[in-house]
Amino acid sequence: MSKKNKKHQEHEEHADESWLLPYSDLMTLLLALFIVLFGMSTVDAQKFQEMSEAFQSVLTGGSGILEQNSMSSNTKNSISENQIPKPSSDGLMKKKSELMRKEQENLESLKKQLDTYIKNNGLTDQLDTKLNQSQLMVTISDNALFPSGEAEVKPNARILAKAISAMLQEFPDYEVIVSGHTDNVPISNHEFPSNWDLSSVRALNFMKILLLNEQLDPKKFSAIGYGEYHPVSSNENNVGRAKNRRVEVSIIRKYQDGDQQIGMPATH
């Protein structure tokens, strides 16, 4: 065999095979195309639309099916939360109205008991009750409770205090404020340097007797001395000054209309 023919055979045995790479890629793409076409033939129009939108999202960077599903889920969650029943304003108002009605009945019942006690014991000129939008107030003249210029409760006044405490124990949920008041005549002795001191100690001493009743909760009680600064009458004459010297027991409403502050007695 000639040298020329030998070279030609070697060239045929080592032919260029680089064309196989694009050919294999083409076959892979065709296979993928047939799979997609097969899948399209077995899904309904809605699935096809979702697939189309998914491809579009990938190619364009727009919102795709995953984001739409997320939005749909959020919408469903929002609807579900809105469907949770919440107390209506009408329901709350109705409940508050019922509580206020019950409270009014309680305080009217307590006032009736106090008024009956006052009448039966001939104390109408020394005790008075008043029910308003903030409280039930029992006003007791100072001469029914204390010797002049003193803060020690009289022995017979202790009976009154115990009678009031027995009535209060039937209504244990109410806050009770005991406040002391004086006239504007200055007092200055070794025990009470001012009317502030006298009114405060009187209120405290009377409250202590109320709390001898173990059925009452001390956390619901407080004592305040107002001195001469909350008069209910003129201090220009003896009658007015006698009215100003007093102790008040205030049973505070829990439910009130308007802007009155719960837990504080009405201004005199």
Protein backbone atom coordinates (compact mmCIF):
# COMPACT_ATOMS: atom_id res chain seq x y z
CA MET A 1 0.00 0.00 0.00
CA SER A 2 1.30 3.36 -0.92
CA LYS A 3 2.17 6.00 1.55
CA LYS A 4 -0.61 8.25 0.24
CA ASN A 5 -3.33 5.65 0.83
CA LYS A 6 -2.08 4.97 4.35
CA LYS A 7 -2.48 8.59 5.30
CA HIS A 8 -5.99 8.68 3.88
CA GLN A 9 -7.07 5.68 6.03
CA GLU A 10 -5.67 7.22 9.21
CA HIS A 11 -7.67 10.40 8.48
CA GLU A 12 -10.92 8.39 8.18
CA GLU A 13 -10.31 6.52 11.44
CA HIS A 14 -9.88 9.83 13.38
CA ALA A 15 -12.74 11.83 11.91
CA ASP A 16 -13.91 15.05 13.77
CA GLU A 17 -16.73 14.13 16.25
CA SER A 18 -17.40 17.62 17.68
CA TRP A 19 -20.84 17.71 16.00
CA LEU A 20 -22.08 15.16 18.56
CA LEU A 21 -22.37 17.79 21.35
CA PRO A 22 -24.89 20.10 19.68
CA TYR A 23 -26.71 17.04 18.39
CA SER A 24 -27.13 15.63 21.93
CA ASP A 25 -28.32 19.03 23.17
CA LEU A 26 -30.88 19.19 20.40
CA MET A 27 -32.19 15.74 21.26
CA THR A 28 -32.48 16.71 24.93
CA LEU A 29 -34.50 19.81 24.05
CA LEU A 30 -36.75 17.77 21.77
CA LEU A 31 -37.31 15.27 24.58
CA ALA A 32 -38.18 18.08 26.99
CA LEU A 33 -40.55 19.55 24.40
CA PHE A 34 -42.38 16.24 23.97
CA ILE A 35 -42.69 15.86 27.76
CA VAL A 36 -44.19 19.35 28.05
CA LEU A 37 -46.57 18.68 25.17
CA PHE A 38 -47.62 15.42 26.80
CA GLY A 39 -48.18 17.15 30.09
CA MET A 40 -50.23 19.86 28.39
CA SER A 41 -52.47 17.23 26.87
CA THR A 42 -53.34 15.78 30.32
CA VAL A 43 -54.06 18.96 32.34
CA ASP A 44 -57.08 21.19 32.18
CA ALA A 45 -57.10 24.75 30.91
CA GLN A 46 -56.68 26.24 34.39
CA LYS A 47 -53.46 24.27 35.04
CA PHE A 48 -52.16 25.30 31.63
CA GLN A 49 -52.87 28.97 32.41
CA GLU A 50 -51.06 28.68 35.74
CA MET A 51 -48.07 27.04 34.04
CA SER A 52 -48.03 29.76 31.41
CA GLU A 53 -48.07 32.48 34.04
CA ALA A 54 -45.29 30.75 35.94
CA PHE A 55 -43.08 30.68 32.82
CA GLN A 56 -43.93 34.31 32.15
CA SER A 57 -42.99 35.26 35.71
CA VAL A 58 -39.60 33.60 35.39
CA LEU A 59 -38.91 35.26 32.05
CA THR A 60 -40.18 38.77 32.87
CA GLY A 61 -39.59 39.04 36.62
CA GLY A 62 -43.30 39.81 37.23
CA SER A 63 -45.53 38.34 39.92
CA GLY A 64 -45.94 34.63 39.42
CA ILE A 65 -48.16 31.88 40.64
CA LEU A 66 -46.30 31.53 43.93
CA GLU A 67 -46.85 35.17 44.77
CA GLN A 68 -50.49 34.89 43.70
CA ASN A 69 -50.95 31.87 45.94
CA SER A 70 -49.33 33.79 48.80
CA MET A 71 -51.67 36.72 48.23
CA SER A 72 -54.61 34.37 48.08
CA SER A 73 -53.53 32.77 51.36
CA ASN A 74 -53.18 36.15 53.03
CA THR A 75 -56.62 37.16 51.78
CA LYS A 76 -58.11 33.97 53.17
CA ASN A 77 -56.40 34.53 56.52
CA SER A 78 -57.72 38.09 56.61
CA ILE A 79 -61.24 36.91 55.84
CA SER A 80 -60.92 34.21 58.47
CA GLU A 81 -59.82 36.75 61.10
CA ASN A 82 -62.68 39.05 60.18
CA GLN A 83 -65.10 36.20 60.63
CA ILE A 84 -64.07 35.78 64.31
CA PRO A 85 -66.96 37.13 66.34
CA LYS A 86 -66.09 40.24 68.33
CA PRO A 87 -68.15 41.90 71.02
CA SER A 88 -70.24 44.61 69.42
CA SER A 89 -70.46 48.09 70.89
CA ASP A 90 -74.18 47.51 71.37
CA GLY A 91 -73.41 44.34 73.36
CA LEU A 92 -70.92 46.16 75.58
CA MET A 93 -73.31 49.03 76.18
CA LYS A 94 -76.07 46.60 77.04
CA LYS A 95 -73.84 44.78 79.53
CA LYS A 96 -72.74 48.06 81.15
CA SER A 97 -76.35 49.21 81.35
CA GLU A 98 -77.28 46.00 83.13
CA LEU A 99 -74.40 46.41 85.61
CA MET A 100 -75.40 50.00 86.29
CA ARG A 101 -79.00 48.96 86.87
CA LYS A 102 -77.89 46.28 89.34
CA GLU A 103 -75.62 48.74 91.13
CA GLN A 104 -78.45 51.27 91.40
CA GLU A 105 -80.62 48.61 93.02
CA ASN A 106 -77.84 47.77 95.50
CA LEU A 107 -77.25 51.36 96.54
CA GLU A 108 -80.98 52.11 96.81
CA SER A 109 -81.35 49.05 99.03
CA LEU A 110 -78.46 50.19 101.26
CA LYS A 111 -79.86 53.74 101.47
CA LYS A 112 -83.24 52.35 102.51
CA GLN A 113 -81.61 50.33 105.30
CA LEU A 114 -79.69 53.38 106.53
CA ASP A 115 -82.74 55.63 106.41
CA THR A 116 -84.77 53.07 108.36
CA TYR A 117 -82.05 52.84 111.03
CA ILE A 118 -81.80 56.63 111.28
CA LYS A 119 -85.57 57.01 111.67
CA ASN A 120 -85.97 54.15 114.16
CA ASN A 121 -83.20 55.53 116.38
CA GLY A 122 -84.27 59.16 116.28
CA LEU A 123 -81.13 60.34 114.46
CA THR A 124 -82.74 62.36 111.66
CA ASP A 125 -81.20 65.61 112.95
CA GLN A 126 -77.71 64.10 113.13
CA LEU A 127 -77.48 61.79 110.09
CA ASP A 128 -78.44 62.19 106.45
CA THR A 129 -78.08 60.06 103.33
CA LYS A 130 -77.80 61.18 99.73
CA LEU A 131 -77.54 59.07 96.56
CA ASN A 132 -76.20 60.75 93.42
CA GLN A 133 -74.42 59.82 90.20
CA SER A 134 -71.08 59.19 91.90
CA GLN A 135 -71.81 57.77 95.34
CA LEU A 136 -74.07 57.04 98.26
CA MET A 137 -73.02 59.42 101.02
CA VAL A 138 -73.83 59.15 104.72
CA THR A 139 -73.27 62.48 106.50
CA ILE A 140 -72.87 62.36 110.29
CA SER A 141 -72.80 65.46 112.44
CA ASP A 142 -69.63 65.80 114.51
CA ASN A 143 -71.52 66.20 117.80
CA ALA A 144 -73.05 62.75 117.22
CA LEU A 145 -69.56 61.25 117.12
CA PHE A 146 -67.03 63.35 119.05
CA PRO A 147 -66.75 65.68 122.02
CA SER A 148 -65.99 69.26 120.99
CA GLY A 149 -62.42 69.68 119.73
CA GLU A 150 -61.63 65.98 120.21
CA ALA A 151 -61.23 62.97 117.91
CA GLU A 152 -62.08 60.09 120.25
CA VAL A 153 -65.36 58.49 119.15
CA LYS A 154 -68.11 58.61 121.79
CA PRO A 155 -69.18 55.24 123.25
CA ASN A 156 -72.76 55.51 121.90
CA ALA A 157 -71.37 56.54 118.48
CA ARG A 158 -69.47 53.26 118.33
CA ILE A 159 -72.87 51.53 118.22
CA LEU A 160 -73.75 53.66 115.17
CA ALA A 161 -70.45 52.82 113.48
CA LYS A 162 -70.99 49.09 114.03
CA ALA A 163 -74.53 49.32 112.65
CA ILE A 164 -73.23 51.02 109.48
CA SER A 165 -70.46 48.42 109.08
CA ALA A 166 -73.02 45.61 109.34
CA MET A 167 -74.96 47.16 106.44
CA LEU A 168 -71.79 47.68 104.39
CA GLN A 169 -70.79 44.03 104.67
CA GLU A 170 -73.77 43.16 102.46
CA PHE A 171 -72.08 45.11 99.64
CA PRO A 172 -68.40 44.13 99.91
CA ASP A 173 -67.28 45.12 96.40
CA TYR A 174 -67.60 48.88 96.83
CA GLU A 175 -64.85 51.32 97.71
CA VAL A 176 -65.59 53.30 100.88
CA ILE A 177 -64.06 56.68 101.69
CA VAL A 178 -64.38 58.15 105.20
CA SER A 179 -63.72 61.90 105.18
CA GLY A 180 -63.47 64.35 108.09
CA HIS A 181 -64.48 68.05 107.89
CA THR A 182 -64.33 71.01 110.26
CA ASP A 183 -65.51 74.61 110.33
CA ASN A 184 -63.07 77.48 109.82
CA VAL A 185 -62.53 78.25 113.50
CA PRO A 186 -58.79 77.68 114.08
CA ILE A 187 -57.72 75.00 116.51
CA SER A 188 -54.28 74.80 118.03
CA ASN A 189 -53.46 72.62 121.01
CA HIS A 190 -50.92 70.03 122.02
CA GLU A 191 -52.86 67.26 120.17
CA PHE A 192 -54.10 69.00 117.02
CA PRO A 193 -52.01 71.85 115.59
CA SER A 194 -54.61 72.56 112.87
CA ASN A 195 -58.03 71.66 111.51
CA TRP A 196 -56.25 69.40 109.02
CA ASP A 197 -55.00 67.23 111.86
CA LEU A 198 -58.34 67.17 113.68
CA SER A 199 -60.36 66.19 110.59
CA SER A 200 -57.84 63.53 109.54
CA VAL A 201 -57.71 61.82 112.95
CA ARG A 202 -61.51 61.89 113.28
CA ALA A 203 -61.93 60.21 109.89
CA LEU A 204 -59.27 57.63 110.74
CA ASN A 205 -60.74 56.79 114.14
CA PHE A 206 -64.24 56.33 112.77
CA MET A 207 -62.93 54.14 109.94
CA LYS A 208 -61.08 51.95 112.45
CA ILE A 209 -64.34 51.20 114.22
CA LEU A 210 -66.01 50.29 110.92
CA LEU A 211 -63.16 47.85 110.22
CA LEU A 212 -63.63 46.05 113.51
CA ASN A 213 -66.08 44.10 111.39
CA GLU A 214 -63.86 41.37 109.94
CA GLN A 215 -66.27 40.84 107.06
CA LEU A 216 -65.12 44.14 105.54
CA ASP A 217 -62.02 44.33 103.35
CA PRO A 218 -59.58 47.03 104.58
CA LYS A 219 -58.24 47.39 101.03
CA LYS A 220 -61.56 48.94 100.04
CA PHE A 221 -61.36 51.66 102.73
CA SER A 222 -59.50 54.95 102.99
CA ALA A 223 -59.64 57.92 105.37
CA ILE A 224 -59.18 61.56 104.32
CA GLY A 225 -59.04 64.81 106.29
CA TYR A 226 -60.31 67.87 104.41
CA GLY A 227 -60.08 70.34 107.27
CA GLU A 228 -62.22 73.44 106.72
CA TYR A 229 -61.82 73.49 102.93
CA HIS A 230 -64.96 71.65 101.77
CA PRO A 231 -67.79 73.44 103.59
CA VAL A 232 -71.43 72.66 102.84
CA SER A 233 -72.73 75.82 104.49
CA SER A 234 -71.61 79.30 105.49
CA ASN A 235 -69.14 79.70 108.33
CA GLU A 236 -70.61 83.10 109.19
CA ASN A 237 -72.97 81.73 111.86
CA ASN A 238 -73.25 78.89 114.36
CA VAL A 239 -75.81 76.94 112.33
CA GLY A 240 -73.62 76.91 109.23
CA ARG A 241 -70.49 76.02 111.17
CA ALA A 242 -72.32 73.10 112.86
CA LYS A 243 -73.24 71.72 109.43
CA ASN A 244 -69.63 71.96 108.26
CA ARG A 245 -68.34 69.94 111.21
CA ARG A 246 -69.07 66.43 110.02
CA VAL A 247 -67.83 62.99 108.98
CA GLU A 248 -68.91 61.55 105.63
CA VAL A 249 -68.95 57.88 104.68
CA SER A 250 -69.03 57.63 100.88
CA ILE A 251 -69.83 54.37 99.09
CA ILE A 252 -68.40 54.94 95.62
CA ARG A 253 -70.13 53.76 92.47
CA LYS A 254 -68.18 51.47 90.16
CA TYR A 255 -70.19 52.43 87.07
CA GLN A 256 -70.87 56.08 86.32
CA ASP A 257 -72.20 58.18 83.47
CA GLY A 258 -70.43 61.25 82.17
CA ASP A 259 -66.90 62.35 82.98
CA GLN A 260 -66.95 61.88 86.75
CA GLN A 261 -63.87 60.07 88.01
CA ILE A 262 -64.52 56.69 89.54
CA GLY A 263 -63.28 56.33 93.08
CA MET A 264 -63.41 60.02 94.04
CA PRO A 265 -66.15 61.67 96.11
CA ALA A 266 -68.16 64.50 94.66
CA THR A 267 -66.93 68.04 95.28
CA HIS A 268 -68.80 69.78 98.08
